[in-house]
Amino acid sequence: MNIFKNKNMKNLLFTLAVVCFSLNFTNAQSSEGHIKYDIDVSSDNPDMAMAVSMMNGAKMEVAFSGKKSFVMMNMGVIMTMKTVTDEDGKVLLLIEGMMGKKAIKSSLEEAGAEVELK
């Protein structure tokens, strides 16, 4: 199963990436910060038991300083996404998962244009 061929997974990953990219603009109150989230996944549906177990240990970490930001999202054994945004709006997205490693270079302008099209 290639998660990048699944349209819903592509949309989820794109949405997460845009949220990460937009963190550059959300720090109006603070110029520096570091936030860690522990994500607990549960379901009463027995069909979801395997997916829930694969998301065990999911975490998200966000750090920003000035116009630079770093977001690391660890989705259990499924995948890890790291997003680095520099002061010029250049973005590097590193994705590592069961299907291998991917690196995507982009910019905040490109991400914004794609969101407006949807």
PDB file of N, CA and C in Angstrom:
ATOM      1  N   MET A   1       0.845  -1.185   0.000  1.00  0.00           N
ATOM      2  CA  MET A   1       0.000   0.000   0.000  1.00  0.00           C
ATOM      3  C   MET A   1       0.885   1.241   0.000  1.00  0.00           C
ATOM      4  N   ASN A   2       0.743   2.066  -0.977  1.00  0.00           N
ATOM      5  CA  ASN A   2       1.492   3.317  -1.039  1.00  0.00           C
ATOM      6  C   ASN A   2       0.603   4.432  -0.509  1.00  0.00           C
ATOM      7  N   ILE A   3       0.960   5.001   0.642  1.00  0.00           N
ATOM      8  CA  ILE A   3       0.104   6.015   1.256  1.00  0.00           C
ATOM      9  C   ILE A   3       0.015   7.278   0.416  1.00  0.00           C
ATOM     10  N   PHE A   4       0.968   7.512  -0.486  1.00  0.00           N
ATOM     11  CA  PHE A   4       0.932   8.715  -1.296  1.00  0.00           C
ATOM     12  C   PHE A   4      -0.012   8.570  -2.484  1.00  0.00           C
ATOM     13  N   LYS A   5      -0.500   7.361  -2.769  1.00  0.00           N
ATOM     14  CA  LYS A   5      -1.472   7.162  -3.839  1.00  0.00           C
ATOM     15  C   LYS A   5      -2.897   7.301  -3.306  1.00  0.00           C
ATOM     16  N   ASN A   6      -3.082   7.216  -2.012  1.00  0.00           N
ATOM     17  CA  ASN A   6      -4.388   7.358  -1.392  1.00  0.00           C
ATOM     18  C   ASN A   6      -4.727   8.845  -1.323  1.00  0.00           C
ATOM     19  N   LYS A   7      -5.815   9.257  -1.979  1.00  0.00           N
ATOM     20  CA  LYS A   7      -6.165  10.676  -2.070  1.00  0.00           C
ATOM     21  C   LYS A   7      -6.445  11.281  -0.700  1.00  0.00           C
ATOM     22  N   ASN A   8      -7.137  10.553   0.183  1.00  0.00           N
ATOM     23  CA  ASN A   8      -7.423  11.092   1.511  1.00  0.00           C
ATOM     24  C   ASN A   8      -6.140  11.307   2.300  1.00  0.00           C
ATOM     25  N   MET A   9      -5.184  10.377   2.198  1.00  0.00           N
ATOM     26  CA  MET A   9      -3.919  10.524   2.914  1.00  0.00           C
ATOM     27  C   MET A   9      -3.131  11.694   2.339  1.00  0.00           C
ATOM     28  N   LYS A  10      -3.165  11.857   1.004  1.00  0.00           N
ATOM     29  CA  LYS A  10      -2.482  13.003   0.385  1.00  0.00           C
ATOM     30  C   LYS A  10      -3.059  14.307   0.916  1.00  0.00           C
ATOM     31  N   ASN A  11      -4.401  14.380   0.980  1.00  0.00           N
ATOM     32  CA  ASN A  11      -5.047  15.596   1.477  1.00  0.00           C
ATOM     33  C   ASN A  11      -4.689  15.849   2.934  1.00  0.00           C
ATOM     34  N   LEU A  12      -4.647  14.796   3.745  1.00  0.00           N
ATOM     35  CA  LEU A  12      -4.280  14.939   5.152  1.00  0.00           C
ATOM     36  C   LEU A  12      -2.853  15.450   5.280  1.00  0.00           C
ATOM     37  N   LEU A  13      -1.931  14.845   4.536  1.00  0.00           N
ATOM     38  CA  LEU A  13      -0.534  15.276   4.594  1.00  0.00           C
ATOM     39  C   LEU A  13      -0.377  16.711   4.111  1.00  0.00           C
ATOM     40  N   PHE A  14      -1.086  17.066   3.053  1.00  0.00           N
ATOM     41  CA  PHE A  14      -1.001  18.430   2.544  1.00  0.00           C
ATOM     42  C   PHE A  14      -1.537  19.419   3.575  1.00  0.00           C
ATOM     43  N   THR A  15      -2.669  19.079   4.201  1.00  0.00           N
ATOM     44  CA  THR A  15      -3.243  19.951   5.223  1.00  0.00           C
ATOM     45  C   THR A  15      -2.285  20.120   6.392  1.00  0.00           C
ATOM     46  N   LEU A  16      -1.676  19.016   6.848  1.00  0.00           N
ATOM     47  CA  LEU A  16      -0.703  19.102   7.940  1.00  0.00           C
ATOM     48  C   LEU A  16       0.489  19.965   7.544  1.00  0.00           C
ATOM     49  N   ALA A  17       0.945  19.818   6.321  1.00  0.00           N
ATOM     50  CA  ALA A  17       2.086  20.616   5.856  1.00  0.00           C
ATOM     51  C   ALA A  17       1.737  22.097   5.823  1.00  0.00           C
ATOM     52  N   VAL A  18       0.526  22.430   5.348  1.00  0.00           N
ATOM     53  CA  VAL A  18       0.114  23.835   5.292  1.00  0.00           C
ATOM     54  C   VAL A  18      -0.006  24.409   6.699  1.00  0.00           C
ATOM     55  N   VAL A  19      -0.539  23.616   7.634  1.00  0.00           N
ATOM     56  CA  VAL A  19      -0.614  24.074   9.027  1.00  0.00           C
ATOM     57  C   VAL A  19       0.785  24.351   9.555  1.00  0.00           C
ATOM     58  N   CYS A  20       1.709  23.461   9.267  1.00  0.00           N
ATOM     59  CA  CYS A  20       3.097  23.661   9.709  1.00  0.00           C
ATOM     60  C   CYS A  20       3.695  24.909   9.082  1.00  0.00           C
ATOM     61  N   PHE A  21       3.451  25.109   7.776  1.00  0.00           N
ATOM     62  CA  PHE A  21       3.996  26.271   7.083  1.00  0.00           C
ATOM     63  C   PHE A  21       3.420  27.560   7.662  1.00  0.00           C
ATOM     64  N   SER A  22       2.133  27.538   8.004  1.00  0.00           N
ATOM     65  CA  SER A  22       1.478  28.761   8.460  1.00  0.00           C
ATOM     66  C   SER A  22       1.907  29.167   9.862  1.00  0.00           C
ATOM     67  N   LEU A  23       2.605  28.310  10.569  1.00  0.00           N
ATOM     68  CA  LEU A  23       3.086  28.678  11.898  1.00  0.00           C
ATOM     69  C   LEU A  23       3.992  29.902  11.850  1.00  0.00           C
ATOM     70  N   ASN A  24       4.576  30.166  10.717  1.00  0.00           N
ATOM     71  CA  ASN A  24       5.406  31.359  10.553  1.00  0.00           C
ATOM     72  C   ASN A  24       4.619  32.633  10.836  1.00  0.00           C
ATOM     73  N   PHE A  25       3.334  32.616  10.554  1.00  0.00           N
ATOM     74  CA  PHE A  25       2.526  33.823  10.673  1.00  0.00           C
ATOM     75  C   PHE A  25       1.733  33.885  11.973  1.00  0.00           C
ATOM     76  N   THR A  26       1.760  32.856  12.784  1.00  0.00           N
ATOM     77  CA  THR A  26       0.924  32.816  13.977  1.00  0.00           C
ATOM     78  C   THR A  26       1.645  33.237  15.241  1.00  0.00           C
ATOM     79  N   ASN A  27       2.879  33.672  15.159  1.00  0.00           N
ATOM     80  CA  ASN A  27       3.618  34.004  16.367  1.00  0.00           C
ATOM     81  C   ASN A  27       3.668  35.506  16.615  1.00  0.00           C
ATOM     82  N   ALA A  28       2.525  36.187  16.463  1.00  0.00           N
ATOM     83  CA  ALA A  28       2.477  37.631  16.648  1.00  0.00           C
ATOM     84  C   ALA A  28       2.764  38.022  18.097  1.00  0.00           C
ATOM     85  N   GLN A  29       2.400  37.193  19.056  1.00  0.00           N
ATOM     86  CA  GLN A  29       2.590  37.514  20.463  1.00  0.00           C
ATOM     87  C   GLN A  29       3.999  37.204  20.944  1.00  0.00           C
ATOM     88  N   SER A  30       4.582  36.127  20.486  1.00  0.00           N
ATOM     89  CA  SER A  30       5.902  35.704  20.938  1.00  0.00           C
ATOM     90  C   SER A  30       6.837  35.585  19.746  1.00  0.00           C
ATOM     91  N   SER A  31       8.103  35.920  19.975  1.00  0.00           N
ATOM     92  CA  SER A  31       9.062  35.778  18.885  1.00  0.00           C
ATOM     93  C   SER A  31       9.812  34.458  18.972  1.00  0.00           C
ATOM     94  N   GLU A  32       9.696  33.758  20.096  1.00  0.00           N
ATOM     95  CA  GLU A  32      10.332  32.453  20.262  1.00  0.00           C
ATOM     96  C   GLU A  32       9.409  31.538  21.056  1.00  0.00           C
ATOM     97  N   GLY A  33       9.462  30.257  20.742  1.00  0.00           N
ATOM     98  CA  GLY A  33       8.657  29.313  21.505  1.00  0.00           C
ATOM     99  C   GLY A  33       8.981  27.875  21.157  1.00  0.00           C
ATOM    100  N   HIS A  34       8.560  26.991  22.044  1.00  0.00           N
ATOM    101  CA  HIS A  34       8.765  25.556  21.864  1.00  0.00           C
ATOM    102  C   HIS A  34       7.589  24.850  22.532  1.00  0.00           C
ATOM    103  N   ILE A  35       6.862  24.051  21.772  1.00  0.00           N
ATOM    104  CA  ILE A  35       5.677  23.355  22.280  1.00  0.00           C
ATOM    105  C   ILE A  35       5.797  21.886  21.934  1.00  0.00           C
ATOM    106  N   LYS A  36       5.468  21.016  22.894  1.00  0.00           N
ATOM    107  CA  LYS A  36       5.453  19.571  22.654  1.00  0.00           C
ATOM    108  C   LYS A  36       4.056  19.035  22.950  1.00  0.00           C
ATOM    109  N   TYR A  37       3.571  18.177  22.053  1.00  0.00           N
ATOM    110  CA  TYR A  37       2.278  17.527  22.215  1.00  0.00           C
ATOM    111  C   TYR A  37       2.494  16.019  22.241  1.00  0.00           C
ATOM    112  N   ASP A  38       1.808  15.339  23.149  1.00  0.00           N
ATOM    113  CA  ASP A  38       1.712  13.883  23.112  1.00  0.00           C
ATOM    114  C   ASP A  38       0.315  13.573  22.597  1.00  0.00           C
ATOM    115  N   ILE A  39       0.217  12.737  21.590  1.00  0.00           N
ATOM    116  CA  ILE A  39      -1.060  12.450  20.948  1.00  0.00           C
ATOM    117  C   ILE A  39      -1.503  11.043  21.326  1.00  0.00           C
ATOM    118  N   ASP A  40      -2.676  10.946  21.941  1.00  0.00           N
ATOM    119  CA  ASP A  40      -3.248   9.651  22.308  1.00  0.00           C
ATOM    120  C   ASP A  40      -4.361   9.323  21.323  1.00  0.00           C
ATOM    121  N   VAL A  41      -4.308   8.152  20.738  1.00  0.00           N
ATOM    122  CA  VAL A  41      -5.309   7.713  19.767  1.00  0.00           C
ATOM    123  C   VAL A  41      -6.034   6.511  20.350  1.00  0.00           C
ATOM    124  N   SER A  42      -7.373   6.543  20.288  1.00  0.00           N
ATOM    125  CA  SER A  42      -8.157   5.406  20.778  1.00  0.00           C
ATOM    126  C   SER A  42      -9.415   5.268  19.925  1.00  0.00           C
ATOM    127  N   SER A  43      -9.997   4.077  19.968  1.00  0.00           N
ATOM    128  CA  SER A  43     -11.228   3.823  19.229  1.00  0.00           C
ATOM    129  C   SER A  43     -11.959   2.651  19.866  1.00  0.00           C
ATOM    130  N   ASP A  44     -13.278   2.741  19.880  1.00  0.00           N
ATOM    131  CA  ASP A  44     -14.106   1.625  20.341  1.00  0.00           C
ATOM    132  C   ASP A  44     -14.363   0.632  19.213  1.00  0.00           C
ATOM    133  N   ASN A  45     -14.030   1.008  17.996  1.00  0.00           N
ATOM    134  CA  ASN A  45     -14.259   0.179  16.823  1.00  0.00           C
ATOM    135  C   ASN A  45     -13.147  -0.872  16.726  1.00  0.00           C
ATOM    136  N   PRO A  46     -13.482  -2.164  16.823  1.00  0.00           N
ATOM    137  CA  PRO A  46     -12.448  -3.203  16.751  1.00  0.00           C
ATOM    138  C   PRO A  46     -11.711  -3.238  15.407  1.00  0.00           C
ATOM    139  N   ASP A  47     -12.354  -2.747  14.343  1.00  0.00           N
ATOM    140  CA  ASP A  47     -11.695  -2.709  13.036  1.00  0.00           C
ATOM    141  C   ASP A  47     -10.531  -1.714  13.006  1.00  0.00           C
ATOM    142  N   MET A  48     -10.518  -0.789  13.946  1.00  0.00           N
ATOM    143  CA  MET A  48      -9.473   0.235  13.997  1.00  0.00           C
ATOM    144  C   MET A  48      -8.333  -0.132  14.940  1.00  0.00           C
ATOM    145  N   ALA A  49      -8.390  -1.302  15.552  1.00  0.00           N
ATOM    146  CA  ALA A  49      -7.391  -1.686  16.562  1.00  0.00           C
ATOM    147  C   ALA A  49      -5.966  -1.645  16.021  1.00  0.00           C
ATOM    148  N   MET A  50      -5.753  -2.141  14.810  1.00  0.00           N
ATOM    149  CA  MET A  50      -4.399  -2.152  14.263  1.00  0.00           C
ATOM    150  C   MET A  50      -3.906  -0.726  13.991  1.00  0.00           C
ATOM    151  N   ALA A  51      -4.764   0.115  13.412  1.00  0.00           N
ATOM    152  CA  ALA A  51      -4.377   1.502  13.133  1.00  0.00           C
ATOM    153  C   ALA A  51      -4.075   2.253  14.424  1.00  0.00           C
ATOM    154  N   VAL A  52      -4.883   2.012  15.451  1.00  0.00           N
ATOM    155  CA  VAL A  52      -4.662   2.666  16.747  1.00  0.00           C
ATOM    156  C   VAL A  52      -3.328   2.231  17.338  1.00  0.00           C
ATOM    157  N   SER A  53      -3.019   0.939  17.259  1.00  0.00           N
ATOM    158  CA  SER A  53      -1.749   0.463  17.822  1.00  0.00           C
ATOM    159  C   SER A  53      -0.553   1.033  17.056  1.00  0.00           C
ATOM    160  N   MET A  54      -0.716   1.273  15.757  1.00  0.00           N
ATOM    161  CA  MET A  54       0.378   1.839  14.963  1.00  0.00           C
ATOM    162  C   MET A  54       0.611   3.312  15.294  1.00  0.00           C
ATOM    163  N   MET A  55      -0.391   3.990  15.835  1.00  0.00           N
ATOM    164  CA  MET A  55      -0.255   5.407  16.193  1.00  0.00           C
ATOM    165  C   MET A  55       0.230   5.598  17.631  1.00  0.00           C
ATOM    166  N   ASN A  56       0.469   4.495  18.358  1.00  0.00           N
ATOM    167  CA  ASN A  56       0.985   4.611  19.727  1.00  0.00           C
ATOM    168  C   ASN A  56       2.266   5.424  19.740  1.00  0.00           C
ATOM    169  N   GLY A  57       2.393   6.306  20.700  1.00  0.00           N
ATOM    170  CA  GLY A  57       3.601   7.110  20.830  1.00  0.00           C
ATOM    171  C   GLY A  57       3.651   8.304  19.897  1.00  0.00           C
ATOM    172  N   ALA A  58       2.519   8.656  19.280  1.00  0.00           N
ATOM    173  CA  ALA A  58       2.495   9.803  18.368  1.00  0.00           C
ATOM    174  C   ALA A  58       2.782  11.090  19.140  1.00  0.00           C
ATOM    175  N   LYS A  59       3.593  11.954  18.527  1.00  0.00           N
ATOM    176  CA  LYS A  59       3.979  13.220  19.157  1.00  0.00           C
ATOM    177  C   LYS A  59       4.094  14.295  18.102  1.00  0.00           C
ATOM    178  N   MET A  60       3.943  15.532  18.551  1.00  0.00           N
ATOM    179  CA  MET A  60       4.191  16.673  17.676  1.00  0.00           C
ATOM    180  C   MET A  60       4.994  17.695  18.464  1.00  0.00           C
ATOM    181  N   GLU A  61       6.005  18.250  17.820  1.00  0.00           N
ATOM    182  CA  GLU A  61       6.867  19.242  18.456  1.00  0.00           C
ATOM    183  C   GLU A  61       6.982  20.442  17.521  1.00  0.00           C
ATOM    184  N   VAL A  62       6.771  21.633  18.077  1.00  0.00           N
ATOM    185  CA  VAL A  62       6.823  22.865  17.301  1.00  0.00           C
ATOM    186  C   VAL A  62       7.810  23.812  17.974  1.00  0.00           C
ATOM    187  N   ALA A  63       8.707  24.392  17.192  1.00  0.00           N
ATOM    188  CA  ALA A  63       9.635  25.400  17.711  1.00  0.00           C
ATOM    189  C   ALA A  63       9.719  26.531  16.694  1.00  0.00           C
ATOM    190  N   PHE A  64       9.781  27.754  17.193  1.00  0.00           N
ATOM    191  CA  PHE A  64       9.927  28.887  16.287  1.00  0.00           C
ATOM    192  C   PHE A  64      10.770  29.969  16.942  1.00  0.00           C
ATOM    193  N   SER A  65      11.457  30.697  16.098  1.00  0.00           N
ATOM    194  CA  SER A  65      12.285  31.815  16.535  1.00  0.00           C
ATOM    195  C   SER A  65      12.304  32.827  15.401  1.00  0.00           C
ATOM    196  N   GLY A  66      11.757  33.994  15.659  1.00  0.00           N
ATOM    197  CA  GLY A  66      11.646  34.985  14.594  1.00  0.00           C
ATOM    198  C   GLY A  66      10.773  34.451  13.480  1.00  0.00           C
ATOM    199  N   LYS A  67      11.303  34.426  12.271  1.00  0.00           N
ATOM    200  CA  LYS A  67      10.534  33.919  11.127  1.00  0.00           C
ATOM    201  C   LYS A  67      10.916  32.491  10.768  1.00  0.00           C
ATOM    202  N   LYS A  68      11.709  31.838  11.598  1.00  0.00           N
ATOM    203  CA  LYS A  68      12.106  30.448  11.348  1.00  0.00           C
ATOM    204  C   LYS A  68      11.239  29.526  12.201  1.00  0.00           C
ATOM    205  N   SER A  69      10.913  28.359  11.657  1.00  0.00           N
ATOM    206  CA  SER A  69      10.136  27.395  12.437  1.00  0.00           C
ATOM    207  C   SER A  69      10.550  25.968  12.105  1.00  0.00           C
ATOM    208  N   PHE A  70      10.280  25.093  13.051  1.00  0.00           N
ATOM    209  CA  PHE A  70      10.551  23.664  12.905  1.00  0.00           C
ATOM    210  C   PHE A  70       9.357  22.920  13.480  1.00  0.00           C
ATOM    211  N   VAL A  71       8.833  21.970  12.728  1.00  0.00           N
ATOM    212  CA  VAL A  71       7.736  21.130  13.205  1.00  0.00           C
ATOM    213  C   VAL A  71       8.119  19.687  12.956  1.00  0.00           C
ATOM    214  N   MET A  72       8.028  18.865  14.001  1.00  0.00           N
ATOM    215  CA  MET A  72       8.291  17.436  13.874  1.00  0.00           C
ATOM    216  C   MET A  72       7.019  16.722  14.314  1.00  0.00           C
ATOM    217  N   MET A  73       6.466  15.904  13.438  1.00  0.00           N
ATOM    218  CA  MET A  73       5.278  15.134  13.767  1.00  0.00           C
ATOM    219  C   MET A  73       5.597  13.665  13.594  1.00  0.00           C
ATOM    220  N   ASN A  74       5.597  12.948  14.705  1.00  0.00           N
ATOM    221  CA  ASN A  74       5.870  11.519  14.720  1.00  0.00           C
ATOM    222  C   ASN A  74       4.532  10.810  14.862  1.00  0.00           C
ATOM    223  N   MET A  75       4.111  10.093  13.831  1.00  0.00           N
ATOM    224  CA  MET A  75       2.826   9.396  13.839  1.00  0.00           C
ATOM    225  C   MET A  75       3.036   7.917  14.127  1.00  0.00           C
ATOM    226  N   GLY A  76       3.614   7.633  15.293  1.00  0.00           N
ATOM    227  CA  GLY A  76       3.876   6.254  15.680  1.00  0.00           C
ATOM    228  C   GLY A  76       4.813   5.586  14.696  1.00  0.00           C
ATOM    229  N   VAL A  77       4.506   4.346  14.329  1.00  0.00           N
ATOM    230  CA  VAL A  77       5.356   3.626  13.376  1.00  0.00           C
ATOM    231  C   VAL A  77       4.986   3.938  11.925  1.00  0.00           C
ATOM    232  N   ILE A  78       3.928   4.715  11.719  1.00  0.00           N
ATOM    233  CA  ILE A  78       3.455   4.994  10.365  1.00  0.00           C
ATOM    234  C   ILE A  78       4.407   5.927   9.618  1.00  0.00           C
ATOM    235  N   MET A  79       4.714   7.083  10.200  1.00  0.00           N
ATOM    236  CA  MET A  79       5.607   8.021   9.524  1.00  0.00           C
ATOM    237  C   MET A  79       6.043   9.131  10.466  1.00  0.00           C
ATOM    238  N   THR A  80       7.114   9.793  10.074  1.00  0.00           N
ATOM    239  CA  THR A  80       7.606  10.986  10.756  1.00  0.00           C
ATOM    240  C   THR A  80       7.744  12.080   9.714  1.00  0.00           C
ATOM    241  N   MET A  81       7.184  13.246  10.013  1.00  0.00           N
ATOM    242  CA  MET A  81       7.299  14.406   9.131  1.00  0.00           C
ATOM    243  C   MET A  81       8.058  15.498   9.861  1.00  0.00           C
ATOM    244  N   LYS A  82       9.056  16.063   9.207  1.00  0.00           N
ATOM    245  CA  LYS A  82       9.794  17.197   9.759  1.00  0.00           C
ATOM    246  C   LYS A  82       9.696  18.331   8.753  1.00  0.00           C
ATOM    247  N   THR A  83       9.307  19.507   9.231  1.00  0.00           N
ATOM    248  CA  THR A  83       9.173  20.671   8.369  1.00  0.00           C
ATOM    249  C   THR A  83      10.032  21.796   8.917  1.00  0.00           C
ATOM    250  N   VAL A  84      10.891  22.338   8.077  1.00  0.00           N
ATOM    251  CA  VAL A  84      11.752  23.456   8.461  1.00  0.00           C
ATOM    252  C   VAL A  84      11.431  24.623   7.537  1.00  0.00           C
ATOM    253  N   THR A  85      11.129  25.775   8.128  1.00  0.00           N
ATOM    254  CA  THR A  85      10.854  26.985   7.362  1.00  0.00           C
ATOM    255  C   THR A  85      11.872  28.039   7.763  1.00  0.00           C
ATOM    256  N   ASP A  86      12.548  28.639   6.783  1.00  0.00           N
ATOM    257  CA  ASP A  86      13.546  29.662   7.114  1.00  0.00           C
ATOM    258  C   ASP A  86      12.948  31.063   6.997  1.00  0.00           C
ATOM    259  N   GLU A  87      13.761  32.069   7.308  1.00  0.00           N
ATOM    260  CA  GLU A  87      13.274  33.454   7.329  1.00  0.00           C
ATOM    261  C   GLU A  87      12.883  33.974   5.950  1.00  0.00           C
ATOM    262  N   ASP A  88      13.328  33.326   4.883  1.00  0.00           N
ATOM    263  CA  ASP A  88      12.971  33.730   3.523  1.00  0.00           C
ATOM    264  C   ASP A  88      11.709  33.036   3.016  1.00  0.00           C
ATOM    265  N   GLY A  89      11.079  32.206   3.843  1.00  0.00           N
ATOM    266  CA  GLY A  89       9.874  31.499   3.436  1.00  0.00           C
ATOM    267  C   GLY A  89      10.137  30.224   2.667  1.00  0.00           C
ATOM    268  N   LYS A  90      11.387  29.766   2.642  1.00  0.00           N
ATOM    269  CA  LYS A  90      11.704  28.494   1.991  1.00  0.00           C
ATOM    270  C   LYS A  90      11.381  27.366   2.962  1.00  0.00           C
ATOM    271  N   VAL A  91      10.804  26.300   2.423  1.00  0.00           N
ATOM    272  CA  VAL A  91      10.330  25.195   3.252  1.00  0.00           C
ATOM    273  C   VAL A  91      10.978  23.892   2.804  1.00  0.00           C
ATOM    274  N   LEU A  92      11.407  23.103   3.775  1.00  0.00           N
ATOM    275  CA  LEU A  92      11.913  21.757   3.513  1.00  0.00           C
ATOM    276  C   LEU A  92      11.055  20.795   4.316  1.00  0.00           C
ATOM    277  N   LEU A  93      10.410  19.855   3.636  1.00  0.00           N
ATOM    278  CA  LEU A  93       9.564  18.849   4.266  1.00  0.00           C
ATOM    279  C   LEU A  93      10.234  17.496   4.087  1.00  0.00           C
ATOM    280  N   LEU A  94      10.553  16.844   5.200  1.00  0.00           N
ATOM    281  CA  LEU A  94      11.168  15.516   5.183  1.00  0.00           C
ATOM    282  C   LEU A  94      10.148  14.518   5.707  1.00  0.00           C
ATOM    283  N   ILE A  95       9.864  13.492   4.919  1.00  0.00           N
ATOM    284  CA  ILE A  95       8.886  12.474   5.296  1.00  0.00           C
ATOM    285  C   ILE A  95       9.587  11.129   5.297  1.00  0.00           C
ATOM    286  N   GLU A  96       9.465  10.415   6.411  1.00  0.00           N
ATOM    287  CA  GLU A  96      10.066   9.086   6.526  1.00  0.00           C
ATOM    288  C   GLU A  96       8.999   8.145   7.067  1.00  0.00           C
ATOM    289  N   GLY A  97       8.782   7.039   6.361  1.00  0.00           N
ATOM    290  CA  GLY A  97       7.765   6.101   6.791  1.00  0.00           C
ATOM    291  C   GLY A  97       8.032   4.705   6.279  1.00  0.00           C
ATOM    292  N   MET A  98       7.005   3.876   6.369  1.00  0.00           N
ATOM    293  CA  MET A  98       7.130   2.483   5.961  1.00  0.00           C
ATOM    294  C   MET A  98       7.447   2.347   4.475  1.00  0.00           C
ATOM    295  N   MET A  99       7.091   3.349   3.695  1.00  0.00           N
ATOM    296  CA  MET A  99       7.289   3.281   2.250  1.00  0.00           C
ATOM    297  C   MET A  99       8.570   3.988   1.805  1.00  0.00           C
ATOM    298  N   GLY A 100       9.394   4.404   2.751  1.00  0.00           N
ATOM    299  CA  GLY A 100      10.660   5.034   2.386  1.00  0.00           C
ATOM    300  C   GLY A 100      10.750   6.470   2.847  1.00  0.00           C
ATOM    301  N   LYS A 101      11.713   7.181   2.263  1.00  0.00           N
ATOM    302  CA  LYS A 101      11.984   8.564   2.635  1.00  0.00           C
ATOM    303  C   LYS A 101      11.708   9.480   1.448  1.00  0.00           C
ATOM    304  N   LYS A 102      11.148  10.656   1.736  1.00  0.00           N
ATOM    305  CA  LYS A 102      10.884  11.664   0.711  1.00  0.00           C
ATOM    306  C   LYS A 102      11.330  13.016   1.254  1.00  0.00           C
ATOM    307  N   ALA A 103      11.827  13.867   0.377  1.00  0.00           N
ATOM    308  CA  ALA A 103      12.176  15.245   0.716  1.00  0.00           C
ATOM    309  C   ALA A 103      11.503  16.156  -0.296  1.00  0.00           C
ATOM    310  N   ILE A 104      10.866  17.203   0.194  1.00  0.00           N
ATOM    311  CA  ILE A 104      10.159  18.139  -0.676  1.00  0.00           C
ATOM    312  C   ILE A 104      10.621  19.549  -0.329  1.00  0.00           C
ATOM    313  N   LYS A 105      11.102  20.278  -1.336  1.00  0.00           N
ATOM    314  CA  LYS A 105      11.443  21.687  -1.165  1.00  0.00           C
ATOM    315  C   LYS A 105      10.302  22.503  -1.737  1.00  0.00           C
ATOM    316  N   SER A 106       9.927  23.553  -1.019  1.00  0.00           N
ATOM    317  CA  SER A 106       8.820  24.387  -1.454  1.00  0.00           C
ATOM    318  C   SER A 106       9.017  25.785  -0.881  1.00  0.00           C
ATOM    319  N   SER A 107       7.984  26.599  -0.989  1.00  0.00           N
ATOM    320  CA  SER A 107       7.998  27.920  -0.375  1.00  0.00           C
ATOM    321  C   SER A 107       6.612  28.193   0.180  1.00  0.00           C
ATOM    322  N   LEU A 108       6.526  29.173   1.074  1.00  0.00           N
ATOM    323  CA  LEU A 108       5.227  29.522   1.639  1.00  0.00           C
ATOM    324  C   LEU A 108       4.284  30.035   0.559  1.00  0.00           C
ATOM    325  N   GLU A 109       4.809  30.716  -0.449  1.00  0.00           N
ATOM    326  CA  GLU A 109       3.972  31.229  -1.536  1.00  0.00           C
ATOM    327  C   GLU A 109       3.342  30.082  -2.322  1.00  0.00           C
ATOM    328  N   GLU A 110       4.133  29.054  -2.635  1.00  0.00           N
ATOM    329  CA  GLU A 110       3.613  27.899  -3.372  1.00  0.00           C
ATOM    330  C   GLU A 110       2.543  27.182  -2.566  1.00  0.00           C
ATOM    331  N   ALA A 111       2.766  27.006  -1.280  1.00  0.00           N
ATOM    332  CA  ALA A 111       1.786  26.323  -0.430  1.00  0.00           C
ATOM    333  C   ALA A 111       0.502  27.129  -0.355  1.00  0.00           C
ATOM    334  N   GLY A 112       0.604  28.445  -0.238  1.00  0.00           N
ATOM    335  CA  GLY A 112      -0.577  29.301  -0.192  1.00  0.00           C
ATOM    336  C   GLY A 112      -1.363  29.260  -1.483  1.00  0.00           C
ATOM    337  N   ALA A 113      -0.692  29.223  -2.621  1.00  0.00           N
ATOM    338  CA  ALA A 113      -1.360  29.165  -3.919  1.00  0.00           C
ATOM    339  C   ALA A 113      -2.123  27.863  -4.072  1.00  0.00           C
ATOM    340  N   GLU A 114      -1.555  26.752  -3.603  1.00  0.00           N
ATOM    341  CA  GLU A 114      -2.228  25.457  -3.711  1.00  0.00           C
ATOM    342  C   GLU A 114      -3.461  25.408  -2.822  1.00  0.00           C
ATOM    343  N   VAL A 115      -3.412  26.028  -1.645  1.00  0.00           N
ATOM    344  CA  VAL A 115      -4.563  26.033  -0.743  1.00  0.00           C
ATOM    345  C   VAL A 115      -5.697  26.836  -1.353  1.00  0.00           C
ATOM    346  N   GLU A 116      -5.411  27.973  -1.974  1.00  0.00           N
ATOM    347  CA  GLU A 116      -6.441  28.808  -2.572  1.00  0.00           C
ATOM    348  C   GLU A 116      -7.137  28.114  -3.731  1.00  0.00           C
ATOM    349  N   LEU A 117      -6.456  27.213  -4.432  1.00  0.00           N
ATOM    350  CA  LEU A 117      -7.047  26.513  -5.566  1.00  0.00           C
ATOM    351  C   LEU A 117      -8.097  25.506  -5.140  1.00  0.00           C
ATOM    352  N   LYS A 118      -8.023  24.991  -3.933  1.00  0.00           N
ATOM    353  CA  LYS A 118      -8.941  23.924  -3.508  1.00  0.00           C
ATOM    354  C   LYS A 118     -10.268  24.445  -3.099  1.00  0.00           C
TER     355      LYS A 118
END
